[in-house]
Amino acid sequence: MALFVDSGTVTHGIQLAVAPVFLLTAVSGLIGAVAGRLSRLIDRGRVLEEKLRLNTEPALAPRWQAELVMLRKRGLLANSAIGLLTLCAFMIGLTIVVLFLGETTVFQIERLAIYAFLAGVSCFMAALCCFFAETLLASRVLKFGGRGPGGV
């Protein structure tokens, strides 16, 4: 692998490769938010499963079962979002490496950087869709002012 020794080229390569790092900051923040929601889902699921196991209030068992089904759907969406965000972070990291190598070596791999970046952004957008769907499901179980699910 032939490396350029020109410090200006290396500096420009670093500047070019650092730009996608800002997307990594957004990805890490969203992973934290989704992971927090997922941990609350798991905690609530454990509480409901324990109530069902003890069967202290049999009249409420169907309601708890329905809530568990909803929690499973939300958990699947949250896990999907985390998986997509992790793949996004990997693709953005690959973009950074490819941009830097393309700028500082004789390899002509800039096209790979384009595909990696677009794949990363696509994963980010898909993760946002999963996150949005999960929040919509979460708001369906809220009862505003004593009304039924969904505020109806």
C-alpha atoms as a PDB file:
ATOM      1  CA  MET A   1       0.000   0.000   0.000  1.00  0.00           C
ATOM      2  CA  ALA A   2       1.616   3.224  -1.155  1.00  0.00           C
ATOM      3  CA  LEU A   3       1.119   6.188   1.187  1.00  0.00           C
ATOM      4  CA  PHE A   4       1.519   9.822   0.239  1.00  0.00           C
ATOM      5  CA  VAL A   5       3.907  11.754   2.450  1.00  0.00           C
ATOM      6  CA  ASP A   6       2.566  15.175   1.514  1.00  0.00           C
ATOM      7  CA  SER A   7       1.231  16.633   4.766  1.00  0.00           C
ATOM      8  CA  GLY A   8      -1.344  18.731   2.890  1.00  0.00           C
ATOM      9  CA  THR A   9      -2.843  15.614   1.343  1.00  0.00           C
ATOM     10  CA  VAL A  10      -2.982  13.855   4.709  1.00  0.00           C
ATOM     11  CA  THR A  11      -4.562  16.915   6.325  1.00  0.00           C
ATOM     12  CA  HIS A  12      -7.194  17.130   3.588  1.00  0.00           C
ATOM     13  CA  GLY A  13      -7.849  13.392   3.958  1.00  0.00           C
ATOM     14  CA  ILE A  14      -8.456  13.790   7.668  1.00  0.00           C
ATOM     15  CA  GLN A  15     -10.774  16.763   7.090  1.00  0.00           C
ATOM     16  CA  LEU A  16     -12.722  14.820   4.478  1.00  0.00           C
ATOM     17  CA  ALA A  17     -13.005  11.743   6.677  1.00  0.00           C
ATOM     18  CA  VAL A  18     -14.088  13.663   9.802  1.00  0.00           C
ATOM     19  CA  ALA A  19     -17.258  15.128   8.256  1.00  0.00           C
ATOM     20  CA  PRO A  20     -19.323  11.893   8.563  1.00  0.00           C
ATOM     21  CA  VAL A  21     -18.390  11.679  12.252  1.00  0.00           C
ATOM     22  CA  PHE A  22     -21.169  14.153  13.011  1.00  0.00           C
ATOM     23  CA  LEU A  23     -23.686  11.570  11.805  1.00  0.00           C
ATOM     24  CA  LEU A  24     -22.115   9.077  14.215  1.00  0.00           C
ATOM     25  CA  THR A  25     -22.910  11.491  17.054  1.00  0.00           C
ATOM     26  CA  ALA A  26     -26.584  11.518  16.055  1.00  0.00           C
ATOM     27  CA  VAL A  27     -26.569   7.717  15.748  1.00  0.00           C
ATOM     28  CA  SER A  28     -25.092   7.255  19.220  1.00  0.00           C
ATOM     29  CA  GLY A  29     -27.654   9.616  20.733  1.00  0.00           C
ATOM     30  CA  LEU A  30     -30.519   7.783  19.083  1.00  0.00           C
ATOM     31  CA  ILE A  31     -29.140   4.398  20.162  1.00  0.00           C
ATOM     32  CA  GLY A  32     -29.145   5.694  23.736  1.00  0.00           C
ATOM     33  CA  ALA A  33     -32.737   6.908  23.468  1.00  0.00           C
ATOM     34  CA  VAL A  34     -34.002   3.665  21.909  1.00  0.00           C
ATOM     35  CA  ALA A  35     -32.044   1.531  24.390  1.00  0.00           C
ATOM     36  CA  GLY A  36     -33.651   3.463  27.247  1.00  0.00           C
ATOM     37  CA  ARG A  37     -37.111   2.831  25.823  1.00  0.00           C
ATOM     38  CA  LEU A  38     -36.276  -0.848  25.325  1.00  0.00           C
ATOM     39  CA  SER A  39     -35.148  -1.206  28.938  1.00  0.00           C
ATOM     40  CA  ARG A  40     -38.450   0.279  30.147  1.00  0.00           C
ATOM     41  CA  LEU A  41     -40.337  -2.132  27.873  1.00  0.00           C
ATOM     42  CA  ILE A  42     -38.445  -5.067  29.335  1.00  0.00           C
ATOM     43  CA  ASP A  43     -39.092  -3.902  32.900  1.00  0.00           C
ATOM     44  CA  ARG A  44     -42.813  -3.489  32.242  1.00  0.00           C
ATOM     45  CA  GLY A  45     -42.949  -6.895  30.552  1.00  0.00           C
ATOM     46  CA  ARG A  46     -41.328  -8.540  33.572  1.00  0.00           C
ATOM     47  CA  VAL A  47     -43.872  -6.908  35.894  1.00  0.00           C
ATOM     48  CA  LEU A  48     -46.786  -8.105  33.758  1.00  0.00           C
ATOM     49  CA  GLU A  49     -45.386 -11.623  33.423  1.00  0.00           C
ATOM     50  CA  GLU A  50     -44.985 -11.811  37.201  1.00  0.00           C
ATOM     51  CA  LYS A  51     -48.575 -10.631  37.708  1.00  0.00           C
ATOM     52  CA  LEU A  52     -49.790 -13.260  35.270  1.00  0.00           C
ATOM     53  CA  ARG A  53     -47.694 -15.941  36.951  1.00  0.00           C
ATOM     54  CA  LEU A  54     -49.069 -15.092  40.388  1.00  0.00           C
ATOM     55  CA  ASN A  55     -52.605 -14.685  38.958  1.00  0.00           C
ATOM     56  CA  THR A  56     -53.619 -12.346  41.782  1.00  0.00           C
ATOM     57  CA  GLU A  57     -56.335 -10.610  39.744  1.00  0.00           C
ATOM     58  CA  PRO A  58     -57.764 -13.077  37.183  1.00  0.00           C
ATOM     59  CA  ALA A  59     -60.195 -10.472  35.818  1.00  0.00           C
ATOM     60  CA  LEU A  60     -57.274  -8.353  34.613  1.00  0.00           C
ATOM     61  CA  ALA A  61     -55.352 -11.225  32.995  1.00  0.00           C
ATOM     62  CA  PRO A  62     -56.732 -10.637  29.457  1.00  0.00           C
ATOM     63  CA  ARG A  63     -55.772  -6.970  29.654  1.00  0.00           C
ATOM     64  CA  TRP A  64     -52.258  -7.873  30.810  1.00  0.00           C
ATOM     65  CA  GLN A  65     -51.929 -10.420  28.011  1.00  0.00           C
ATOM     66  CA  ALA A  66     -52.936  -7.800  25.452  1.00  0.00           C
ATOM     67  CA  GLU A  67     -50.421  -5.365  26.897  1.00  0.00           C
ATOM     68  CA  LEU A  68     -47.698  -8.024  26.697  1.00  0.00           C
ATOM     69  CA  VAL A  69     -48.497  -8.546  23.014  1.00  0.00           C
ATOM     70  CA  MET A  70     -48.153  -4.799  22.442  1.00  0.00           C
ATOM     71  CA  LEU A  71     -44.893  -4.737  24.400  1.00  0.00           C
ATOM     72  CA  ARG A  72     -43.519  -7.530  22.204  1.00  0.00           C
ATOM     73  CA  LYS A  73     -44.347  -5.545  19.061  1.00  0.00           C
ATOM     74  CA  ARG A  74     -42.742  -2.436  20.497  1.00  0.00           C
ATOM     75  CA  GLY A  75     -39.701  -4.442  21.571  1.00  0.00           C
ATOM     76  CA  LEU A  76     -39.304  -5.832  18.066  1.00  0.00           C
ATOM     77  CA  LEU A  77     -39.417  -2.312  16.629  1.00  0.00           C
ATOM     78  CA  ALA A  78     -36.914  -1.039  19.203  1.00  0.00           C
ATOM     79  CA  ASN A  79     -34.559  -3.966  18.529  1.00  0.00           C
ATOM     80  CA  SER A  80     -34.883  -3.355  14.798  1.00  0.00           C
ATOM     81  CA  ALA A  81     -34.048   0.318  15.281  1.00  0.00           C
ATOM     82  CA  ILE A  82     -30.969  -0.558  17.344  1.00  0.00           C
ATOM     83  CA  GLY A  83     -29.840  -3.082  14.734  1.00  0.00           C
ATOM     84  CA  LEU A  84     -30.294  -0.579  11.919  1.00  0.00           C
ATOM     85  CA  LEU A  85     -28.479   2.122  13.871  1.00  0.00           C
ATOM     86  CA  THR A  86     -25.586  -0.246  14.544  1.00  0.00           C
ATOM     87  CA  LEU A  87     -25.386  -1.085  10.847  1.00  0.00           C
ATOM     88  CA  CYS A  88     -25.568   2.649  10.092  1.00  0.00           C
ATOM     89  CA  ALA A  89     -22.641   3.320  12.426  1.00  0.00           C
ATOM     90  CA  PHE A  90     -20.637   0.547  10.760  1.00  0.00           C
ATOM     91  CA  MET A  91     -21.339   1.923   7.287  1.00  0.00           C
ATOM     92  CA  ILE A  92     -20.414   5.465   8.339  1.00  0.00           C
ATOM     93  CA  GLY A  93     -17.213   4.117   9.892  1.00  0.00           C
ATOM     94  CA  LEU A  94     -16.471   2.324   6.628  1.00  0.00           C
ATOM     95  CA  THR A  95     -17.122   5.590   4.785  1.00  0.00           C
ATOM     96  CA  ILE A  96     -14.582   7.369   6.973  1.00  0.00           C
ATOM     97  CA  VAL A  97     -11.940   4.697   6.400  1.00  0.00           C
ATOM     98  CA  VAL A  98     -12.541   4.627   2.638  1.00  0.00           C
ATOM     99  CA  LEU A  99     -12.459   8.425   2.330  1.00  0.00           C
ATOM    100  CA  PHE A 100      -9.215   8.611   4.254  1.00  0.00           C
ATOM    101  CA  LEU A 101      -7.589   5.776   2.301  1.00  0.00           C
ATOM    102  CA  GLY A 102      -8.813   7.202  -0.996  1.00  0.00           C
ATOM    103  CA  GLU A 103      -7.269  10.550  -0.199  1.00  0.00           C
ATOM    104  CA  THR A 104      -3.959   9.307   1.216  1.00  0.00           C
ATOM    105  CA  THR A 105      -3.194   6.271  -0.984  1.00  0.00           C
ATOM    106  CA  VAL A 106      -3.166   5.447  -4.662  1.00  0.00           C
ATOM    107  CA  PHE A 107      -6.332   3.368  -4.351  1.00  0.00           C
ATOM    108  CA  GLN A 108      -9.272   4.736  -6.315  1.00  0.00           C
ATOM    109  CA  ILE A 109     -12.118   3.623  -4.027  1.00  0.00           C
ATOM    110  CA  GLU A 110     -14.211   6.780  -3.763  1.00  0.00           C
ATOM    111  CA  ARG A 111     -17.234   5.032  -5.295  1.00  0.00           C
ATOM    112  CA  LEU A 112     -17.245   2.627  -2.341  1.00  0.00           C
ATOM    113  CA  ALA A 113     -17.427   5.653  -0.028  1.00  0.00           C
ATOM    114  CA  ILE A 114     -20.537   6.858  -1.846  1.00  0.00           C
ATOM    115  CA  TYR A 115     -22.268   3.494  -1.501  1.00  0.00           C
ATOM    116  CA  ALA A 116     -21.237   3.089   2.138  1.00  0.00           C
ATOM    117  CA  PHE A 117     -22.467   6.573   3.031  1.00  0.00           C
ATOM    118  CA  LEU A 118     -25.788   6.104   1.225  1.00  0.00           C
ATOM    119  CA  ALA A 119     -26.268   2.725   2.907  1.00  0.00           C
ATOM    120  CA  GLY A 120     -25.546   4.313   6.290  1.00  0.00           C
ATOM    121  CA  VAL A 121     -28.007   7.149   5.735  1.00  0.00           C
ATOM    122  CA  SER A 122     -30.625   4.662   4.476  1.00  0.00           C
ATOM    123  CA  CYS A 123     -30.193   2.582   7.633  1.00  0.00           C
ATOM    124  CA  PHE A 124     -30.521   5.741   9.719  1.00  0.00           C
ATOM    125  CA  MET A 125     -33.782   6.672   8.001  1.00  0.00           C
ATOM    126  CA  ALA A 126     -35.148   3.136   8.399  1.00  0.00           C
ATOM    127  CA  ALA A 127     -34.223   3.233  12.095  1.00  0.00           C
ATOM    128  CA  LEU A 128     -36.074   6.537  12.449  1.00  0.00           C
ATOM    129  CA  CYS A 129     -39.138   4.894  10.902  1.00  0.00           C
ATOM    130  CA  CYS A 130     -38.917   2.029  13.425  1.00  0.00           C
ATOM    131  CA  PHE A 131     -38.518   4.532  16.252  1.00  0.00           C
ATOM    132  CA  PHE A 132     -41.530   6.509  15.036  1.00  0.00           C
ATOM    133  CA  ALA A 133     -43.659   3.349  14.744  1.00  0.00           C
ATOM    134  CA  GLU A 134     -42.650   2.304  18.262  1.00  0.00           C
ATOM    135  CA  THR A 135     -43.632   5.683  19.693  1.00  0.00           C
ATOM    136  CA  LEU A 136     -46.970   5.519  17.867  1.00  0.00           C
ATOM    137  CA  LEU A 137     -47.659   2.103  19.400  1.00  0.00           C
ATOM    138  CA  ALA A 138     -46.669   3.437  22.812  1.00  0.00           C
ATOM    139  CA  SER A 139     -49.095   6.341  22.558  1.00  0.00           C
ATOM    140  CA  ARG A 140     -51.974   4.024  21.576  1.00  0.00           C
ATOM    141  CA  VAL A 141     -52.112   2.561  25.072  1.00  0.00           C
ATOM    142  CA  LEU A 142     -52.391   5.947  26.787  1.00  0.00           C
ATOM    143  CA  LYS A 143     -55.739   6.955  28.224  1.00  0.00           C
ATOM    144  CA  PHE A 144     -56.153  10.698  28.193  1.00  0.00           C
ATOM    145  CA  GLY A 145     -58.823  11.947  30.581  1.00  0.00           C
ATOM    146  CA  GLY A 146     -60.139   8.452  31.313  1.00  0.00           C
ATOM    147  CA  ARG A 147     -60.997   7.720  27.689  1.00  0.00           C
ATOM    148  CA  GLY A 148     -60.121   4.431  26.032  1.00  0.00           C
ATOM    149  CA  PRO A 149     -56.965   3.502  24.101  1.00  0.00           C
ATOM    150  CA  GLY A 150     -55.957   6.096  21.550  1.00  0.00           C
ATOM    151  CA  GLY A 151     -58.000   8.770  23.321  1.00  0.00           C
ATOM    152  CA  VAL A 152     -61.302   7.483  21.908  1.00  0.00           C
END
